[in-house]
């Protein structure tokens, strides 16, 4: 497939999925569908420079980020950009984050989850955004590729969608990680600049990893905090509401005691 010319007046595609929720895979699929142009990482600090650099571009430019960017929303409303988002079971997201960055899971019971949810609410409230569920994407990657191509305005045959999916399956991603050394970023965020894959990017790729990674009280507390979100998005809880609430209250008490102890030390 050749590099895609701007379609329907869109100059940009912003891949803004949930952290550890399949956003890298989604951005890779977008790049493949649009003829494999590079994907550029954009932050709140660099977005203005990014837009100036590509002000007169004659092809689609793909950007990847997580933090909410008003500039991307304005471009989408003006018909100059498309926004794609992928989300995942929050329990598996938390399990992946705490494993990769060695963060205490307790931190996400009181604090970390709020940021994830704020980003989710901000992006998914935008009219016309493309939403993909990680679990559905992994279960049938060719079908997801076809759906994404349709949103982007690109016609793909079944064989083309299949070929793109096969090139981005789990085993191929692991092969890319082995073959391409990280050449950008720092610390635990070292990644390969073309594939955007970290050396420890894939921790399994499946569903339900939280059962092996997080303790029962942590999972129960997370389920209480995200109970409405889980219901809306079709994720079944592992624990009953009373068990969830009890775990939530226990961690609330622990958090309060921790704050009191810190205050006394100061």
Protein backbone atom coordinates (compact mmCIF):
# COMPACT_ATOMS: atom_id res chain seq x y z
CA UNK A 1 0.00 0.00 0.00
CA UNK A 2 1.31 3.44 -0.93
CA UNK A 3 1.34 6.41 1.42
CA UNK A 4 -2.22 7.68 1.68
CA UNK A 5 -3.10 11.15 0.47
CA UNK A 6 -5.29 13.25 2.76
CA UNK A 7 -8.77 11.74 2.73
CA UNK A 8 -11.93 13.85 3.18
CA UNK A 9 -9.81 16.86 4.11
CA UNK A 10 -8.32 15.25 7.21
CA UNK A 11 -4.68 16.21 7.72
CA UNK A 12 -4.16 14.49 11.05
CA UNK A 13 -5.12 11.33 12.89
CA UNK A 14 -4.67 11.44 16.66
CA UNK A 15 -4.34 8.05 18.38
CA UNK A 16 -5.16 8.86 21.98
CA UNK A 17 -6.07 5.54 23.61
CA UNK A 18 -6.00 4.55 27.25
CA UNK A 19 -2.58 3.97 28.80
CA UNK A 20 -1.59 0.30 28.53
CA UNK A 21 -4.86 -0.25 26.71
CA UNK A 22 -3.72 -1.15 23.21
CA UNK A 23 -3.06 2.39 21.97
CA UNK A 24 0.28 1.46 20.40
CA UNK A 25 -1.30 -1.38 18.46
CA UNK A 26 -4.11 0.90 17.32
CA UNK A 27 -1.63 3.52 16.11
CA UNK A 28 0.30 0.83 14.22
CA UNK A 29 -2.90 -0.29 12.49
CA UNK A 30 -3.72 3.30 11.55
CA UNK A 31 -0.23 3.71 10.07
CA UNK A 32 -0.52 0.49 8.08
CA UNK A 33 -3.97 1.38 6.76
CA UNK A 34 -2.79 4.82 5.67
CA UNK A 35 0.24 3.48 3.87
CA UNK A 36 2.68 3.20 6.79
CA UNK A 37 3.65 6.82 7.40
CA UNK A 38 5.48 7.29 10.68
CA UNK A 39 3.66 7.79 13.99
CA UNK A 40 4.88 10.74 16.04
CA UNK A 41 4.62 11.05 19.80
CA UNK A 42 3.02 14.32 20.88
CA UNK A 43 2.63 15.83 24.33
CA UNK A 44 0.92 18.88 25.77
CA UNK A 45 4.29 20.63 25.66
CA UNK A 46 5.14 19.70 22.07
CA UNK A 47 1.77 19.83 20.29
CA UNK A 48 2.08 23.44 19.11
CA UNK A 49 5.52 22.77 17.60
CA UNK A 50 4.18 19.58 16.03
CA UNK A 51 1.30 21.44 14.38
CA UNK A 52 3.57 24.21 13.08
CA UNK A 53 5.95 21.65 11.60
CA UNK A 54 3.14 19.94 9.69
CA UNK A 55 1.14 23.04 8.85
CA UNK A 56 1.51 22.58 5.08
CA UNK A 57 1.66 18.81 4.89
CA UNK A 58 0.21 17.11 1.82
CA UNK A 59 -0.32 13.72 3.46
CA UNK A 60 -1.92 12.39 6.60
CA UNK A 61 0.17 12.83 9.75
CA UNK A 62 -0.38 10.42 12.63
CA UNK A 63 0.17 11.49 16.23
CA UNK A 64 0.03 9.39 19.38
CA UNK A 65 -0.65 10.72 22.86
CA UNK A 66 -2.64 10.04 26.03
CA UNK A 67 -3.10 13.42 27.68
CA UNK A 68 -6.07 15.48 26.51
CA UNK A 69 -5.12 17.95 23.78
CA UNK A 70 -7.60 20.78 23.08
CA UNK A 71 -5.73 21.43 19.84
CA UNK A 72 -6.63 17.97 18.54
CA UNK A 73 -10.27 18.50 19.46
CA UNK A 74 -10.38 21.84 17.65
CA UNK A 75 -8.91 20.26 14.51
CA UNK A 76 -11.44 17.43 14.69
CA UNK A 77 -14.34 19.87 15.02
CA UNK A 78 -12.98 21.80 12.04
CA UNK A 79 -12.91 18.60 9.98
CA UNK A 80 -9.11 18.57 9.74
CA UNK A 81 -8.41 15.65 12.07
CA UNK A 82 -9.77 12.30 13.14
CA UNK A 83 -9.41 10.89 16.64
CA UNK A 84 -9.22 7.19 17.51
CA UNK A 85 -9.32 5.74 21.00
CA UNK A 86 -9.01 2.27 22.48
CA UNK A 87 -9.92 1.27 26.03
CA UNK A 88 -9.41 -1.83 28.13
CA UNK A 89 -10.61 -3.46 31.33
CA UNK A 90 -9.37 -0.99 33.96
CA UNK A 91 -8.27 -3.82 36.22
CA UNK A 92 -5.94 -5.14 33.52
CA UNK A 93 -4.73 -1.60 32.77
CA UNK A 94 -3.77 -1.11 36.42
CA UNK A 95 -2.13 -4.55 36.55
CA UNK A 96 -0.05 -3.70 33.48
CA UNK A 97 0.99 -0.27 34.79
CA UNK A 98 2.05 -1.44 38.23
CA UNK A 99 4.01 -4.33 36.70
CA UNK A 100 5.82 -2.22 34.11
CA UNK A 101 6.67 0.71 36.38
CA UNK A 102 6.93 -1.12 39.74
CA UNK A 103 4.29 1.17 41.21
CA UNK A 104 2.49 0.07 44.40
CA UNK A 105 -1.00 -1.07 43.42
CA UNK A 106 -2.32 0.85 46.41
CA UNK A 107 -1.44 4.07 44.58
CA UNK A 108 -4.13 3.32 42.02
CA UNK A 109 -6.81 2.68 44.58
CA UNK A 110 -6.43 6.27 45.77
CA UNK A 111 -5.17 8.55 43.04
CA UNK A 112 -3.89 6.88 39.88
CA UNK A 113 -7.24 5.61 38.69
CA UNK A 114 -8.70 9.13 38.74
CA UNK A 115 -6.24 10.31 36.10
CA UNK A 116 -7.03 7.37 33.83
CA UNK A 117 -10.74 8.03 34.18
CA UNK A 118 -10.36 11.77 33.61
CA UNK A 119 -8.51 11.11 30.35
CA UNK A 120 -11.13 8.56 29.29
CA UNK A 121 -14.02 10.93 29.99
CA UNK A 122 -12.32 13.85 28.25
CA UNK A 123 -11.57 11.97 25.03
CA UNK A 124 -14.72 9.88 24.76
CA UNK A 125 -16.97 12.91 25.21
CA UNK A 126 -15.85 14.19 21.79
CA UNK A 127 -18.44 13.76 19.07
CA UNK A 128 -17.36 11.57 16.18
CA UNK A 129 -14.44 9.87 17.92
CA UNK A 130 -13.67 6.26 16.97
CA UNK A 131 -13.85 3.88 19.95
CA UNK A 132 -12.39 0.38 20.05
CA UNK A 133 -12.55 -2.12 22.90
CA UNK A 134 -9.18 -3.80 23.44
CA UNK A 135 -10.68 -7.20 24.09
CA UNK A 136 -12.71 -7.09 20.85
CA UNK A 137 -9.68 -5.83 18.92
CA UNK A 138 -7.49 -8.69 20.12
CA UNK A 139 -10.22 -11.29 19.59
CA UNK A 140 -10.60 -10.44 15.88
CA UNK A 141 -7.81 -8.21 14.60
CA UNK A 142 -8.79 -8.48 10.89
CA UNK A 143 -12.35 -7.32 11.67
CA UNK A 144 -11.02 -4.46 13.78
CA UNK A 145 -8.67 -3.47 10.97
CA UNK A 146 -11.62 -3.31 8.56
CA UNK A 147 -13.70 -1.22 10.98
CA UNK A 148 -10.83 1.18 11.55
CA UNK A 149 -10.17 1.51 7.81
CA UNK A 150 -13.83 2.34 7.19
CA UNK A 151 -13.67 5.11 9.80
CA UNK A 152 -10.51 6.49 8.20
CA UNK A 153 -12.16 6.46 4.79
CA UNK A 154 -9.86 3.82 3.29
CA UNK A 155 -11.21 0.88 1.32
CA UNK A 156 -9.58 -2.41 2.24
CA UNK A 157 -10.31 -5.82 0.82
CA UNK A 158 -10.63 -8.73 3.23
CA UNK A 159 -7.23 -9.99 2.16
CA UNK A 160 -5.64 -6.60 2.79
CA UNK A 161 -7.20 -6.37 6.24
CA UNK A 162 -6.04 -9.91 6.97
CA UNK A 163 -2.49 -9.10 5.87
CA UNK A 164 -2.31 -6.02 8.08
CA UNK A 165 -3.70 -7.96 11.02
CA UNK A 166 -1.20 -10.78 10.58
CA UNK A 167 1.66 -8.27 10.45
CA UNK A 168 0.57 -6.89 13.82
CA UNK A 169 -0.42 -10.01 15.71
CA UNK A 170 1.03 -10.75 19.14
CA UNK A 171 3.82 -12.98 17.89
CA UNK A 172 4.89 -10.46 15.25
CA UNK A 173 4.99 -7.75 17.92
CA UNK A 174 7.25 -9.91 20.07
CA UNK A 175 9.50 -10.48 17.04
CA UNK A 176 9.76 -6.73 16.45
CA UNK A 177 10.75 -6.18 20.08
CA UNK A 178 13.51 -8.78 19.77
CA UNK A 179 14.82 -7.42 16.45
CA UNK A 180 14.65 -3.68 17.08
CA UNK A 181 16.60 -2.24 19.99
CA UNK A 182 15.15 0.71 21.86
CA UNK A 183 16.61 3.96 20.53
CA UNK A 184 14.49 6.65 22.17
CA UNK A 185 13.06 7.61 25.55
CA UNK A 186 14.65 6.91 28.93
CA UNK A 187 14.44 4.50 31.83
CA UNK A 188 11.40 2.24 31.76
CA UNK A 189 10.06 4.31 28.86
CA UNK A 190 12.81 3.30 26.40
CA UNK A 191 11.23 2.37 23.06
CA UNK A 192 11.98 1.86 19.39
CA UNK A 193 11.24 5.07 17.52
CA UNK A 194 9.56 3.38 14.53
CA UNK A 195 7.51 0.61 16.15
CA UNK A 196 6.95 2.56 19.41
CA UNK A 197 7.35 -0.74 21.26
CA UNK A 198 9.11 -0.87 24.63
CA UNK A 199 11.36 -3.80 25.42
CA UNK A 200 8.78 -4.96 28.01
CA UNK A 201 5.79 -3.71 26.08
CA UNK A 202 3.94 -7.02 25.98
CA UNK A 203 3.28 -8.68 29.33
CA UNK A 204 0.96 -11.33 27.99
CA UNK A 205 -1.51 -9.48 25.80
CA UNK A 206 -4.50 -11.42 27.06
CA UNK A 207 -7.47 -10.66 29.26
CA UNK A 208 -7.87 -11.11 33.00
CA UNK A 209 -4.20 -10.59 33.87
CA UNK A 210 -5.24 -8.70 36.99
CA UNK A 211 -6.22 -12.00 38.62
CA UNK A 212 -2.56 -13.05 38.60
CA UNK A 213 -1.03 -9.65 39.34
CA UNK A 214 -3.28 -7.83 41.81
CA UNK A 215 -4.42 -8.94 45.25
CA UNK A 216 -8.12 -9.63 45.82
CA UNK A 217 -8.63 -6.53 48.03
CA UNK A 218 -7.03 -4.30 45.37
CA UNK A 219 -9.25 -5.73 42.62
CA UNK A 220 -12.35 -5.38 44.79
CA UNK A 221 -11.54 -1.75 45.63
CA UNK A 222 -10.89 -0.95 41.97
CA UNK A 223 -14.20 -2.55 41.03
CA UNK A 224 -16.01 -0.34 43.52
CA UNK A 225 -14.39 2.83 42.20
CA UNK A 226 -15.05 1.94 38.56
CA UNK A 227 -18.36 0.10 39.05
CA UNK A 228 -20.42 2.41 36.81
CA UNK A 229 -17.76 2.45 34.10
CA UNK A 230 -17.49 -1.35 34.18
CA UNK A 231 -21.25 -1.77 33.88
CA UNK A 232 -21.54 0.65 30.94
CA UNK A 233 -18.67 -1.01 29.10
CA UNK A 234 -19.70 -4.60 29.76
CA UNK A 235 -17.02 -5.76 32.20
CA UNK A 236 -18.21 -8.25 34.80
CA UNK A 237 -17.06 -7.73 38.39
CA UNK A 238 -15.18 -10.45 40.20
CA UNK A 239 -16.51 -9.49 43.64
CA UNK A 240 -19.92 -8.67 45.10
CA UNK A 241 -20.88 -5.07 45.87
CA UNK A 242 -20.54 -5.59 49.66
CA UNK A 243 -17.04 -7.03 49.17
CA UNK A 244 -16.11 -4.16 46.85
CA UNK A 245 -17.35 -1.54 49.30
CA UNK A 246 -15.59 -3.19 52.25
CA UNK A 247 -12.29 -3.21 50.35
CA UNK A 248 -12.80 0.39 49.31
CA UNK A 249 -13.45 1.52 52.88
CA UNK A 250 -10.44 -0.43 54.16
CA UNK A 251 -8.13 1.31 51.72
CA UNK A 252 -9.76 4.67 52.45
CA UNK A 253 -8.92 4.14 56.13
CA UNK A 254 -5.37 3.08 55.32
CA UNK A 255 -4.93 6.14 53.13
CA UNK A 256 -6.20 8.43 55.88
CA UNK A 257 -3.85 6.85 58.43
CA UNK A 258 -0.95 7.20 56.01
CA UNK A 259 -1.68 10.91 55.55
CA UNK A 260 -1.90 11.43 59.31
CA UNK A 261 1.42 9.65 59.83
CA UNK A 262 3.09 11.74 57.13
CA UNK A 263 1.70 14.94 58.71
CA UNK A 264 3.08 14.01 62.14
CA UNK A 265 6.52 13.27 60.71
CA UNK A 266 6.67 16.71 59.15
